[in-house]
Protein backbone atom coordinates (compact mmCIF):
# COMPACT_ATOMS: atom_id res chain seq x y z
CA PRO A 1 -0.13 -0.01 0.07
CA ALA A 2 2.83 2.42 1.02
CA SER A 3 4.66 1.78 -2.04
CA VAL A 4 1.58 2.42 -4.35
CA PHE A 5 0.78 5.59 -2.46
CA ALA A 6 4.37 6.76 -2.97
CA GLY A 7 4.54 6.12 -6.66
CA MET A 8 1.43 8.30 -7.31
CA THR A 9 2.88 10.79 -5.13
CA ALA A 10 5.91 10.87 -7.09
CA LEU A 11 3.80 11.29 -10.19
CA GLY A 12 2.06 14.08 -8.74
CA PHE A 13 5.02 15.98 -7.81
CA LEU A 14 6.64 15.40 -11.38
CA SER A 15 3.40 16.71 -12.77
CA TYR A 16 3.68 19.77 -10.72
CA ILE A 17 7.25 20.43 -11.58
CA ILE A 18 6.41 20.02 -15.55
CA GLY A 19 3.33 22.20 -14.96
CA ILE A 20 0.36 19.92 -15.86
CA HIS A 21 -1.01 19.39 -12.62
CA ASN A 22 -3.61 21.94 -12.58
CA VAL A 23 -4.33 22.91 -16.72
CA THR A 24 -7.35 24.07 -18.58
CA TYR A 25 -7.77 24.19 -22.30
CA GLU A 26 -10.47 25.79 -24.53
CA ARG A 27 -12.67 23.20 -26.39
CA ALA A 28 -13.98 23.71 -29.96
CA ASP A 29 -17.17 24.95 -28.47
CA GLY A 30 -15.54 27.66 -26.37
CA LEU A 31 -15.58 25.75 -22.95
CA VAL A 32 -12.65 26.03 -20.91
CA LYS A 33 -12.31 22.63 -19.58
CA GLN A 34 -9.84 21.54 -16.47
CA VAL A 35 -7.76 18.59 -17.40
CA GLY A 36 -4.95 18.82 -14.97
CA PHE A 37 -3.33 15.64 -13.86
CA LEU A 38 -4.11 16.12 -10.00
CA TRP A 39 -7.61 16.68 -11.10
CA ALA A 40 -8.00 13.30 -12.77
CA ALA A 41 -10.09 11.61 -10.33
CA ASN A 42 -9.01 7.96 -11.61
CA TRP A 43 -5.64 8.92 -10.71
CA THR A 44 -5.95 10.87 -7.68
CA LEU A 45 -8.60 8.75 -5.68
CA ASP A 46 -7.88 5.73 -7.06
CA PHE A 47 -4.07 5.48 -6.89
CA MET A 48 -3.92 7.18 -3.40
CA VAL A 49 -6.98 6.16 -1.45
CA PHE A 50 -8.91 3.15 -2.90
CA LEU A 51 -6.10 1.04 -4.34
CA PRO A 52 -3.86 1.40 -1.14
CA LEU A 53 -6.86 0.39 0.89
CA PHE A 54 -7.55 -2.57 -1.28
CA PHE A 55 -4.03 -3.89 -0.96
CA PHE A 56 -3.98 -3.30 2.81
CA PHE A 57 -7.53 -5.35 3.28
CA VAL A 58 -6.01 -7.84 1.11
CA ILE A 59 -2.80 -8.45 3.10
CA GLU A 60 -4.72 -8.30 6.28
CA LEU A 61 -6.88 -11.18 5.15
CA LEU A 62 -3.91 -13.09 4.02
CA VAL A 63 -2.31 -12.67 7.20
CA PHE A 64 -5.42 -13.87 9.01
CA TRP A 65 -6.02 -16.89 6.92
CA LYS A 66 -2.30 -18.04 6.89
CA SER A 67 -1.43 -17.54 10.46
CA GLU A 68 -4.96 -18.02 12.33
CA GLY A 69 -7.84 -19.41 10.30
CA ARG A 70 -6.26 -21.78 8.25
CA ARG A 71 -4.13 -23.39 11.21
CA LYS A 72 -7.09 -23.83 13.32
CA LEU A 73 -9.14 -25.67 10.77
CA ALA A 74 -6.94 -27.55 8.65
CA ALA A 75 -3.64 -28.58 10.48
CA GLN A 76 -5.03 -28.68 14.02
CA GLY A 77 -1.58 -27.24 15.50
CA ASP A 78 0.56 -28.47 12.72
CA GLN A 79 1.93 -25.02 11.59
CA VAL A 80 4.67 -26.39 9.31
CA GLU A 81 2.25 -28.47 7.13
CA SER A 82 -0.39 -25.70 7.08
CA ASP A 83 1.96 -23.44 5.72
CA ASP A 84 3.26 -26.19 3.22
CA ALA A 85 -0.39 -26.68 1.96
CA TRP A 86 -1.10 -23.18 1.58
CA LEU A 87 2.21 -22.52 -0.34
CA ARG A 88 1.05 -25.18 -2.75
CA ASN A 89 -2.25 -23.83 -3.32
CA VAL A 90 -0.57 -20.26 -4.24
CA ASP A 91 2.04 -22.11 -6.37
CA ALA A 92 -0.94 -23.87 -8.07
CA SER A 93 -1.80 -20.28 -9.81
CA SER A 94 1.71 -19.63 -10.89
CA TYR A 95 0.67 -19.79 -14.53
CA THR A 96 -2.11 -17.50 -14.01
CA TYR A 97 0.02 -14.74 -12.21
CA TRP A 98 2.42 -14.81 -15.18
CA SER A 99 -0.64 -14.49 -17.77
CA VAL A 100 -2.10 -11.67 -16.02
CA PHE A 101 1.43 -9.94 -15.74
CA LEU A 102 1.89 -10.32 -19.33
CA ILE A 103 -1.56 -8.99 -20.07
CA CYS A 104 -1.13 -6.04 -17.87
CA LEU A 105 2.38 -4.97 -19.03
CA LEU A 106 1.44 -5.43 -22.55
CA PHE A 107 -2.27 -4.53 -23.03
CA ALA A 108 -2.92 -2.22 -19.92
CA GLY A 109 0.47 -0.69 -20.16
CA LEU A 110 2.26 -0.58 -23.74
CA PHE A 111 -0.67 -0.95 -26.21
CA GLN A 112 -2.78 1.28 -24.46
CA TRP A 113 -0.21 4.16 -24.09
CA ILE A 114 1.00 3.73 -27.59
CA GLY A 115 -2.58 3.74 -28.88
CA VAL A 116 -4.30 6.44 -26.51
CA SER A 117 -1.06 8.82 -25.88
CA LEU A 118 1.98 8.10 -28.25
CA ILE A 119 0.14 8.07 -31.40
CA PRO A 120 -2.06 10.88 -30.88
CA LEU A 121 0.86 13.05 -29.76
CA MET A 122 3.09 12.25 -32.61
CA LYS A 123 0.57 11.82 -35.36
CA GLY A 124 -2.62 13.50 -34.13
CA GLY A 125 -6.07 12.03 -34.60
CA GLY A 126 -7.46 9.05 -32.73
CA ASN A 127 -10.72 11.01 -31.58
CA TYR A 128 -9.81 10.80 -27.84
CA ALA A 129 -10.89 13.54 -25.26
CA MET A 130 -8.22 16.06 -24.36
CA ASP A 131 -6.60 15.20 -21.17
CA TRP A 132 -3.31 15.97 -19.29
CA GLY A 133 -1.79 13.30 -21.62
CA LYS A 134 -2.36 15.18 -24.50
CA ILE A 135 -2.32 18.66 -23.32
CA ALA A 136 0.91 19.21 -25.24
CA LEU A 137 -1.31 19.47 -28.50
CA VAL A 138 -3.17 22.34 -27.44
CA ARG A 139 -1.03 24.18 -25.07
CA PRO A 140 2.53 23.61 -26.08
CA GLU A 141 3.55 26.75 -24.25
CA LEU A 142 3.20 24.56 -21.03
CA ILE A 143 4.93 21.30 -21.99
CA SER A 144 6.58 19.81 -25.01
CA VAL A 145 5.54 16.66 -26.60
CA PRO A 146 8.85 14.83 -25.72
CA GLU A 147 8.29 15.75 -22.10
CA THR A 148 4.64 14.59 -22.54
CA VAL A 149 5.84 11.28 -24.05
CA ILE A 150 8.37 10.61 -21.12
CA PHE A 151 5.68 11.46 -18.39
CA THR A 152 2.92 9.52 -19.99
CA GLY A 153 5.32 6.44 -20.32
CA LEU A 154 6.12 6.65 -16.73
CA ALA A 155 2.51 6.96 -15.78
CA TYR A 156 1.25 3.99 -17.80
CA LEU A 157 4.36 1.80 -16.72
CA TYR A 158 3.39 2.54 -13.09
CA MET A 159 -0.49 1.97 -13.91
CA CYS A 160 0.15 -1.50 -15.27
CA LEU A 161 2.28 -2.61 -12.33
CA VAL A 162 -0.38 -1.28 -9.87
CA PHE A 163 -3.10 -3.13 -11.66
CA TYR A 164 -1.09 -6.29 -11.72
CA LEU A 165 -0.70 -6.37 -8.38
CA PHE A 166 -4.74 -5.60 -8.19
CA PHE A 167 -5.41 -8.65 -10.05
CA ALA A 168 -2.89 -10.91 -8.31
CA GLY A 169 -4.62 -9.44 -5.18
CA LEU A 170 -8.00 -10.84 -6.37
CA ILE A 171 -6.30 -14.26 -7.50
CA LEU A 172 -5.31 -14.56 -3.71
CA LEU A 173 -8.74 -13.55 -2.53
CA TYR A 174 -10.09 -16.50 -4.74
CA THR A 175 -7.36 -18.85 -3.45
CA VAL A 176 -8.32 -18.19 0.09
CA VAL A 177 -12.00 -18.65 -0.54
CA HIS A 178 -11.21 -21.97 -2.63
CA ASP A 179 -8.98 -23.02 0.31
CA LEU A 180 -11.53 -22.41 2.96
CA TRP A 181 -14.18 -24.22 0.82
CA LYS A 182 -12.09 -27.32 0.41
CA ILE A 183 -11.23 -27.53 3.99
CA GLY A 184 -14.72 -26.96 5.16
CA ASP A 185 -15.84 -29.74 2.70
CA GLY A 186 -13.34 -32.09 4.15
CA LEU A 187 -14.09 -31.58 7.66
CA LYS A 188 -17.78 -32.15 7.22
CA LYS A 189 -16.96 -35.38 6.03
CA LEU A 190 -15.29 -36.36 9.24
CA PRO A 191 -17.56 -38.67 11.81
CA HIS A 192 -18.15 -37.39 15.21
CA VAL A 193 -16.33 -34.03 14.62
CA ASP A 194 -18.14 -30.64 14.66
CA HIS A 195 -16.46 -27.85 13.14
CA GLN A 196 -19.35 -25.63 12.13
CA GLN A 197 -18.59 -22.80 14.52
CA GLU A 198 -14.85 -22.33 13.42
CA LEU A 199 -16.10 -22.81 9.80
CA THR A 200 -19.09 -20.16 10.38
CA GLU A 201 -16.25 -18.03 12.01
CA ALA A 202 -13.56 -18.16 9.40
CA GLY A 203 -16.32 -17.88 6.54
CA LEU A 204 -17.55 -14.78 7.89
CA THR A 205 -14.02 -13.16 8.46
CA VAL A 206 -13.18 -14.25 4.84
CA MET A 207 -16.39 -12.68 3.25
CA ARG A 208 -15.98 -9.59 5.22
CA GLY A 209 -12.53 -9.20 3.59
CA VAL A 210 -13.53 -9.95 0.22
CA PHE A 211 -16.62 -7.55 0.43
CA ARG A 212 -14.39 -4.96 1.28
CA CYS A 213 -11.80 -5.60 -1.42
CA THR A 214 -14.97 -6.07 -3.74
CA VAL A 215 -16.31 -2.38 -2.77
CA LEU A 216 -13.04 -1.06 -3.23
CA GLY A 217 -12.51 -2.50 -6.58
CA VAL A 218 -15.79 -1.52 -7.85
CA LEU A 219 -15.01 2.40 -6.48
CA VAL A 220 -12.04 2.18 -8.76
CA ALA A 221 -13.98 1.28 -11.65
CA ILE A 222 -16.44 3.99 -10.69
CA TRP A 223 -14.04 6.72 -10.62
CA MET A 224 -12.24 5.57 -13.97
CA LYS A 225 -15.62 5.86 -15.82
CA VAL A 226 -16.57 9.06 -13.91
CA GLN A 227 -13.30 10.64 -14.97
CA SER A 228 -13.73 9.35 -18.67
CA SER A 229 -17.48 10.68 -18.71
CA TYR A 230 -16.39 13.91 -17.48
CA LEU A 231 -13.79 14.62 -20.31
CA ALA A 232 -16.60 14.34 -22.63
CA SER A 233 -19.14 16.18 -20.77
CA SER A 234 -19.87 19.96 -20.60
CA GLY A 235 -18.73 20.26 -17.24
CA GLU A 236 -15.94 22.93 -16.50
CA ASN A 237 -14.34 20.59 -13.81
CA ILE A 238 -15.57 17.39 -12.59
CA VAL A 239 -16.46 18.70 -9.27
CA ALA A 240 -18.67 21.29 -10.94
CA TRP A 241 -20.03 18.59 -13.36
CA LEU A 242 -21.02 16.40 -10.64
CA VAL A 243 -22.80 19.04 -8.56
CA GLY A 244 -24.40 20.21 -11.74
CA ASP A 245 -25.76 16.96 -12.46
CA MET A 246 -27.07 16.42 -9.03
CA SER A 247 -28.81 19.97 -9.24
CA SER A 248 -30.40 19.29 -12.59
CA MET A 249 -32.18 16.43 -11.32
CA PHE A 250 -34.29 18.87 -8.98
CA GLN A 251 -34.39 21.70 -11.88
CA GLY A 252 -35.67 19.25 -14.55
CA ARG A 253 -32.52 19.93 -17.08
CA ASP A 254 -31.23 17.21 -19.01
CA ASP A 255 -27.60 17.66 -19.53
CA VAL A 256 -26.60 14.18 -20.35
CA SER A 257 -26.36 14.56 -24.01
CA THR A 258 -24.58 17.84 -24.31
CA GLY A 259 -21.01 16.57 -24.50
CA PHE A 260 -18.91 15.57 -27.27
CA ARG A 261 -18.59 11.97 -28.58
CA TYR A 262 -15.02 10.45 -27.88
CA ARG A 263 -13.61 6.99 -28.03
CA MET A 264 -13.49 6.12 -24.12
CA PRO A 265 -11.28 2.83 -23.85
CA THR A 266 -11.45 3.45 -20.19
CA HIS A 267 -15.19 2.50 -19.94
CA TYR A 268 -13.96 -1.00 -21.27
CA SER A 269 -11.07 -1.56 -18.71
CA SER A 270 -13.19 -0.27 -15.92
CA LEU A 271 -16.08 -2.72 -16.85
CA LEU A 272 -13.41 -5.58 -16.69
CA ILE A 273 -12.28 -4.49 -13.31
CA VAL A 274 -15.96 -4.55 -12.12
CA ILE A 275 -16.48 -8.17 -13.40
CA SER A 276 -13.20 -9.54 -12.17
CA THR A 277 -13.77 -8.03 -8.62
CA CYS A 278 -17.73 -9.23 -8.73
CA PHE A 279 -16.68 -12.80 -9.76
CA VAL A 280 -14.39 -12.98 -6.65
CA PHE A 281 -17.17 -11.92 -4.52
CA LEU A 282 -19.77 -14.21 -6.36
CA TYR A 283 -17.50 -17.25 -5.83
CA GLY A 284 -17.27 -16.58 -2.30
CA SER A 285 -20.91 -16.12 -1.62
CA ILE A 286 -21.91 -19.32 -3.55
CA ARG A 287 -18.95 -21.41 -1.87
CA LEU A 288 -19.04 -20.02 1.71
CA GLY A 289 -22.77 -18.95 1.85
CA VAL A 290 -24.59 -21.70 1.03
CA GLY A 291 -25.26 -23.84 3.76
CA GLY A 292 -23.43 -21.39 6.13
CA ARG A 293 -25.15 -19.60 8.99
CA PHE A 294 -24.41 -15.73 8.03
CA HIS A 295 -27.03 -15.39 5.54
CA ALA A 296 -28.06 -12.25 6.77
CA PRO A 297 -24.79 -10.20 6.79
CA LEU A 298 -24.19 -11.79 3.34
CA TRP A 299 -27.31 -10.53 1.66
CA LYS A 300 -26.55 -7.21 2.97
CA MET A 301 -22.94 -7.27 1.43
CA SER A 302 -24.41 -8.51 -1.63
CA ALA A 303 -27.20 -5.61 -1.78
CA VAL A 304 -24.51 -3.24 -1.28
CA VAL A 305 -22.14 -4.57 -4.12
CA ALA A 306 -25.30 -4.54 -6.42
CA LEU A 307 -26.08 -1.09 -5.69
CA LEU A 308 -22.47 0.07 -6.47
CA VAL A 309 -22.56 -1.93 -9.73
CA VAL A 310 -26.06 -0.32 -10.82
CA SER A 311 -24.62 3.23 -9.93
CA TYR A 312 -21.37 2.21 -12.12
CA LEU A 313 -23.59 1.14 -14.97
CA LEU A 314 -25.86 4.37 -14.86
CA ILE A 315 -23.00 6.98 -14.66
CA ASP A 316 -23.70 9.60 -17.32
CA ALA A 317 -26.95 7.71 -18.37
CA PHE A 318 -29.52 10.25 -16.96
CA ALA A 319 -29.77 13.64 -15.59
CA GLY A 320 -29.23 13.28 -11.63
CA PHE A 321 -26.97 10.00 -12.01
CA SER A 322 -24.68 11.53 -9.49
CA THR A 323 -27.34 11.54 -6.74
CA LEU A 324 -27.42 7.85 -7.02
CA LEU A 325 -23.79 7.66 -7.06
CA ALA A 326 -23.39 9.69 -3.95
CA ILE A 327 -25.67 7.34 -2.02
CA SER A 328 -23.93 4.24 -3.18
CA VAL A 329 -20.77 5.49 -2.53
CA LEU A 330 -21.64 6.60 0.97
CA VAL A 331 -23.23 3.33 1.70
CA ALA A 332 -20.17 1.45 0.50
CA LEU A 333 -17.74 3.47 2.71
CA TYR A 334 -19.89 2.64 5.54
CA GLY A 335 -19.43 -0.78 4.57
CA LEU A 336 -15.76 -0.58 4.83
CA PHE A 337 -15.82 0.14 8.46
CA ASP A 338 -18.69 -2.10 9.21
CA PRO A 339 -18.89 -4.98 6.62
CA GLY A 340 -21.64 -7.04 8.50
CA LEU A 341 -23.85 -3.77 8.16
CA GLY A 342 -25.25 -4.04 11.67
CA ARG A 343 -24.83 -6.26 14.60
CA TRP A 344 -24.39 -9.82 13.88
CA ARG A 345 -22.42 -12.70 15.59
CA ALA A 346 -21.56 -16.39 14.61
CA SER A 347 -23.62 -18.88 17.00
């Protein structure tokens, strides 16, 4: 978490030094639009808040499972055997980690940087919305094209490495859920041994951790899509755009379709994040929730995740979407502090 935060902080300082941290440009319709790097919610909020928190909760769950949960259920005191079995489970997904690494490095990093940033900077075109990565085309007095190429290259390299860690975290969450399910399935077959209490407590702890990570993953995707939608909108800055949209619902205005039409690759990458994150939560709910004794908190968690996904899908779909977005984000943030969403105790 600290490394991710430090990397984004370094990029923020670098953007300040080269002068693109807070920059505007005049669009063809005369609108003066804020496209500074530090105003980009998908960079500041995601890489300084949500992703570090995601990694923190992943690490917290892994520490619990390896040092406490698994040893209590599987090895019955044999710590060495429990650790070896866990390492074998992690090693079983080694090809998956390498595949994800190559996909993130090549597609999320290199190819996306070339297509979205490098080619438009060198040759123009592409029909992408103007942002901090292409501001040299319209404000050459602020930053040159070579400087922009270097900065965007560093930013995309940092981004693809962080998202590799993100997907690796999802794989580890899946591994924990699958490991707990296999152990529980084996314990249920043992005669005259009742481990239901321990299984319920471990399952609830694991699902709380998975829920927190799912919420943060969807929040990452939400702000990616919000930023992408803002760049094509008629808002002067992202805060004014969201506030204006919220007020438009009460004033009867419809400002959704007043923006320009651009290619938005971030919409697709954010959808991939939502699908991947929710798959892990759904898998955990099915494996650990069916036959478990914590249906009530699991239903509450599922409702929060569903609300977040709906608000993600409806971003910029109608006037006043930001009201639903604000409500879902507030509920989700509360869920981070109280994953059970109310008092519940395994019994």
